[in-house]
Amino acid sequence: MRGLLQFKSYLYARLSSDADLITLLGGTHIYDVVQEGAALPYIAYEQISSQSTHQLDEQMSEHVIGLVVVARADSSLTTHNIMAQLEQLIDELPAKADLTLGYAMLSAELLTTSIEQTNFEIVKGAMQLKILVTGGG
């Protein structure tokens, strides 16, 4: 879908340049595709859904992106702190951000957040973020 790749690049750049987030993660553990044996904690992001939409006679793409925080269960406070930092970063996204190649993000809205202990070893936090992208055409 239109603008998704540009948004994912933008998101990675924003997250990986936040010193507080990188400190909480213990490094730049932010992945589009997580490799087996990745160091914990980490953040993974993926496309959940995409659709074309129209507003005020302008064609846009609406994307829902999932962000997952994975950490050891003995560090559940780390998961909470990483989730809080992600929420702050999402709140601080500019209303109209240039995504390159003629695309712009018009809005970003946090839809859901949750944290669960999946077993005795892993705690996962999950967020869904809806973005509207225009341009590129």
C-alpha atoms as a PDB file:
ATOM      1  CA  MET A   1       0.000   0.000   0.000  1.00  0.00           C
ATOM      2  CA  ARG A   2       1.019   3.537  -0.671  1.00  0.00           C
ATOM      3  CA  GLY A   3       3.458   5.090   1.770  1.00  0.00           C
ATOM      4  CA  LEU A   4       3.836   2.072   4.062  1.00  0.00           C
ATOM      5  CA  LEU A   5       7.515   1.463   3.336  1.00  0.00           C
ATOM      6  CA  GLN A   6       8.268   5.161   3.807  1.00  0.00           C
ATOM      7  CA  PHE A   7       6.405   5.180   7.132  1.00  0.00           C
ATOM      8  CA  LYS A   8       8.219   2.086   8.377  1.00  0.00           C
ATOM      9  CA  SER A   9      11.569   3.732   7.544  1.00  0.00           C
ATOM     10  CA  TYR A  10      10.426   6.918   9.301  1.00  0.00           C
ATOM     11  CA  LEU A  11       9.271   4.954  12.372  1.00  0.00           C
ATOM     12  CA  TYR A  12      12.564   3.067  12.615  1.00  0.00           C
ATOM     13  CA  ALA A  13      14.519   6.333  12.356  1.00  0.00           C
ATOM     14  CA  ARG A  14      12.389   7.958  15.088  1.00  0.00           C
ATOM     15  CA  LEU A  15      12.636   5.008  17.472  1.00  0.00           C
ATOM     16  CA  SER A  16      16.324   4.273  16.916  1.00  0.00           C
ATOM     17  CA  SER A  17      17.289   7.918  17.495  1.00  0.00           C
ATOM     18  CA  ASP A  18      15.591   8.162  20.899  1.00  0.00           C
ATOM     19  CA  ALA A  19      18.350   7.847  23.491  1.00  0.00           C
ATOM     20  CA  ASP A  20      15.976   6.949  26.346  1.00  0.00           C
ATOM     21  CA  LEU A  21      14.383   4.134  24.347  1.00  0.00           C
ATOM     22  CA  ILE A  22      17.753   2.742  23.232  1.00  0.00           C
ATOM     23  CA  THR A  23      18.949   2.788  26.851  1.00  0.00           C
ATOM     24  CA  LEU A  24      15.859   0.844  27.977  1.00  0.00           C
ATOM     25  CA  LEU A  25      16.404  -1.688  25.179  1.00  0.00           C
ATOM     26  CA  GLY A  26      20.129  -2.013  25.914  1.00  0.00           C
ATOM     27  CA  GLY A  27      20.905  -1.191  22.268  1.00  0.00           C
ATOM     28  CA  THR A  28      19.142  -0.696  18.954  1.00  0.00           C
ATOM     29  CA  HIS A  29      16.989  -3.822  19.245  1.00  0.00           C
ATOM     30  CA  ILE A  30      14.237  -2.639  16.878  1.00  0.00           C
ATOM     31  CA  TYR A  31      13.207  -5.022  14.132  1.00  0.00           C
ATOM     32  CA  ASP A  32      10.976  -5.312  11.116  1.00  0.00           C
ATOM     33  CA  VAL A  33      11.854  -9.017  10.973  1.00  0.00           C
ATOM     34  CA  VAL A  34      13.079 -10.618  14.202  1.00  0.00           C
ATOM     35  CA  GLN A  35      15.823 -13.191  13.840  1.00  0.00           C
ATOM     36  CA  GLU A  36      15.887 -16.283  16.036  1.00  0.00           C
ATOM     37  CA  GLY A  37      17.944 -15.668  19.150  1.00  0.00           C
ATOM     38  CA  ALA A  38      17.474 -11.868  19.109  1.00  0.00           C
ATOM     39  CA  ALA A  39      18.635 -10.208  22.322  1.00  0.00           C
ATOM     40  CA  LEU A  40      15.911  -9.262  24.801  1.00  0.00           C
ATOM     41  CA  PRO A  41      14.317  -6.833  25.227  1.00  0.00           C
ATOM     42  CA  TYR A  42      13.394  -5.832  21.696  1.00  0.00           C
ATOM     43  CA  ILE A  43      10.699  -4.060  19.703  1.00  0.00           C
ATOM     44  CA  ALA A  44       9.231  -5.565  16.544  1.00  0.00           C
ATOM     45  CA  TYR A  45       6.829  -3.812  14.211  1.00  0.00           C
ATOM     46  CA  GLU A  46       4.595  -5.121  11.461  1.00  0.00           C
ATOM     47  CA  GLN A  47       1.755  -4.165   9.178  1.00  0.00           C
ATOM     48  CA  ILE A  48      -1.611  -5.353  10.474  1.00  0.00           C
ATOM     49  CA  SER A  49      -3.865  -3.836   7.829  1.00  0.00           C
ATOM     50  CA  SER A  50      -3.895  -1.277   5.026  1.00  0.00           C
ATOM     51  CA  GLN A  51      -6.679   0.272   3.005  1.00  0.00           C
ATOM     52  CA  SER A  52      -7.287   3.171   0.677  1.00  0.00           C
ATOM     53  CA  THR A  53      -9.569   5.908   1.930  1.00  0.00           C
ATOM     54  CA  HIS A  54     -10.810   9.328   0.802  1.00  0.00           C
ATOM     55  CA  GLN A  55     -11.145  12.486   2.845  1.00  0.00           C
ATOM     56  CA  LEU A  56     -12.063  15.858   1.353  1.00  0.00           C
ATOM     57  CA  ASP A  57     -11.542  14.484  -2.166  1.00  0.00           C
ATOM     58  CA  GLU A  58      -7.995  13.418  -1.355  1.00  0.00           C
ATOM     59  CA  GLN A  59      -6.922   9.798  -1.666  1.00  0.00           C
ATOM     60  CA  MET A  60      -5.040   8.461   1.335  1.00  0.00           C
ATOM     61  CA  SER A  61      -3.806   5.195   2.725  1.00  0.00           C
ATOM     62  CA  GLU A  62      -4.749   4.108   6.219  1.00  0.00           C
ATOM     63  CA  HIS A  63      -2.313   1.681   7.829  1.00  0.00           C
ATOM     64  CA  VAL A  64      -2.511  -0.097  11.166  1.00  0.00           C
ATOM     65  CA  ILE A  65       0.924  -0.974  12.494  1.00  0.00           C
ATOM     66  CA  GLY A  66       1.552  -3.380  15.346  1.00  0.00           C
ATOM     67  CA  LEU A  67       4.393  -2.769  17.774  1.00  0.00           C
ATOM     68  CA  VAL A  68       5.426  -5.623  20.068  1.00  0.00           C
ATOM     69  CA  VAL A  69       7.809  -5.347  23.006  1.00  0.00           C
ATOM     70  CA  VAL A  70       9.337  -8.644  24.128  1.00  0.00           C
ATOM     71  CA  ALA A  71      11.294  -8.884  27.392  1.00  0.00           C
ATOM     72  CA  ARG A  72      12.219 -11.384  30.039  1.00  0.00           C
ATOM     73  CA  ALA A  73       9.536 -11.974  32.663  1.00  0.00           C
ATOM     74  CA  ASP A  74      11.983 -11.082  35.432  1.00  0.00           C
ATOM     75  CA  SER A  75      12.165  -7.581  33.911  1.00  0.00           C
ATOM     76  CA  SER A  76       8.457  -6.782  33.499  1.00  0.00           C
ATOM     77  CA  LEU A  77       9.147  -3.251  34.730  1.00  0.00           C
ATOM     78  CA  THR A  78      11.379  -2.871  31.661  1.00  0.00           C
ATOM     79  CA  THR A  79       8.433  -3.815  29.443  1.00  0.00           C
ATOM     80  CA  HIS A  80       6.241  -1.204  31.129  1.00  0.00           C
ATOM     81  CA  ASN A  81       8.951   1.459  30.824  1.00  0.00           C
ATOM     82  CA  ILE A  82       9.540   0.680  27.130  1.00  0.00           C
ATOM     83  CA  MET A  83       5.791   0.816  26.460  1.00  0.00           C
ATOM     84  CA  ALA A  84       5.545   4.166  28.254  1.00  0.00           C
ATOM     85  CA  GLN A  85       8.432   5.547  26.185  1.00  0.00           C
ATOM     86  CA  LEU A  86       6.805   4.294  22.969  1.00  0.00           C
ATOM     87  CA  GLU A  87       3.528   5.995  23.930  1.00  0.00           C
ATOM     88  CA  GLN A  88       5.382   9.246  24.542  1.00  0.00           C
ATOM     89  CA  LEU A  89       7.164   9.005  21.177  1.00  0.00           C
ATOM     90  CA  ILE A  90       3.866   8.326  19.387  1.00  0.00           C
ATOM     91  CA  ASP A  91       2.240  11.295  21.154  1.00  0.00           C
ATOM     92  CA  GLU A  92       5.133  13.486  19.979  1.00  0.00           C
ATOM     93  CA  LEU A  93       4.858  12.520  16.287  1.00  0.00           C
ATOM     94  CA  PRO A  94       4.287  15.680  14.247  1.00  0.00           C
ATOM     95  CA  ALA A  95       0.812  16.272  12.807  1.00  0.00           C
ATOM     96  CA  LYS A  96       2.149  16.291   9.255  1.00  0.00           C
ATOM     97  CA  ALA A  97       5.481  14.526   8.853  1.00  0.00           C
ATOM     98  CA  ASP A  98       7.422  14.283   5.601  1.00  0.00           C
ATOM     99  CA  LEU A  99       8.073  10.611   4.850  1.00  0.00           C
ATOM    100  CA  THR A 100      10.171  11.229   1.688  1.00  0.00           C
ATOM    101  CA  LEU A 101       9.360  10.496  -1.963  1.00  0.00           C
ATOM    102  CA  GLY A 102       6.355  12.820  -1.826  1.00  0.00           C
ATOM    103  CA  TYR A 103       4.554  10.983   0.999  1.00  0.00           C
ATOM    104  CA  ALA A 104       3.379  12.638   4.202  1.00  0.00           C
ATOM    105  CA  MET A 105       1.915  11.235   7.397  1.00  0.00           C
ATOM    106  CA  LEU A 106      -1.209  13.238   8.219  1.00  0.00           C
ATOM    107  CA  SER A 107      -2.005  11.656  11.565  1.00  0.00           C
ATOM    108  CA  ALA A 108      -0.991   8.937  13.992  1.00  0.00           C
ATOM    109  CA  GLU A 109      -3.395   7.526  16.541  1.00  0.00           C
ATOM    110  CA  LEU A 110      -2.646   4.960  19.233  1.00  0.00           C
ATOM    111  CA  LEU A 111      -5.514   2.453  19.095  1.00  0.00           C
ATOM    112  CA  THR A 112      -4.689  -0.154  21.736  1.00  0.00           C
ATOM    113  CA  THR A 113      -2.055  -1.176  24.261  1.00  0.00           C
ATOM    114  CA  SER A 114      -1.735  -4.355  26.302  1.00  0.00           C
ATOM    115  CA  ILE A 115       0.845  -6.236  28.347  1.00  0.00           C
ATOM    116  CA  GLU A 116       0.750  -9.939  29.118  1.00  0.00           C
ATOM    117  CA  GLN A 117       3.040 -12.538  30.572  1.00  0.00           C
ATOM    118  CA  THR A 118       3.005 -15.284  27.942  1.00  0.00           C
ATOM    119  CA  ASN A 119       4.889 -17.837  30.042  1.00  0.00           C
ATOM    120  CA  PHE A 120       7.336 -17.926  32.949  1.00  0.00           C
ATOM    121  CA  GLU A 121      10.102 -16.472  30.780  1.00  0.00           C
ATOM    122  CA  ILE A 122       8.532 -13.819  28.511  1.00  0.00           C
ATOM    123  CA  VAL A 123       6.450 -10.654  28.973  1.00  0.00           C
ATOM    124  CA  LYS A 124       4.995  -9.083  25.835  1.00  0.00           C
ATOM    125  CA  GLY A 125       3.627  -5.631  25.357  1.00  0.00           C
ATOM    126  CA  ALA A 126       1.554  -4.847  22.271  1.00  0.00           C
ATOM    127  CA  MET A 127       0.365  -1.620  20.663  1.00  0.00           C
ATOM    128  CA  GLN A 128      -1.601  -0.817  17.554  1.00  0.00           C
ATOM    129  CA  LEU A 129      -1.006   2.470  15.773  1.00  0.00           C
ATOM    130  CA  LYS A 130      -3.223   3.830  12.981  1.00  0.00           C
ATOM    131  CA  ILE A 131      -1.649   6.257  10.519  1.00  0.00           C
ATOM    132  CA  LEU A 132      -2.985   8.193   7.546  1.00  0.00           C
ATOM    133  CA  VAL A 133      -0.571   8.713   4.659  1.00  0.00           C
ATOM    134  CA  THR A 134      -1.053  10.880   1.585  1.00  0.00           C
ATOM    135  CA  GLY A 135       0.976  11.634  -1.513  1.00  0.00           C
ATOM    136  CA  GLY A 136       3.379   9.744  -3.650  1.00  0.00           C
ATOM    137  CA  GLY A 137       1.311  10.066  -6.763  1.00  0.00           C
END
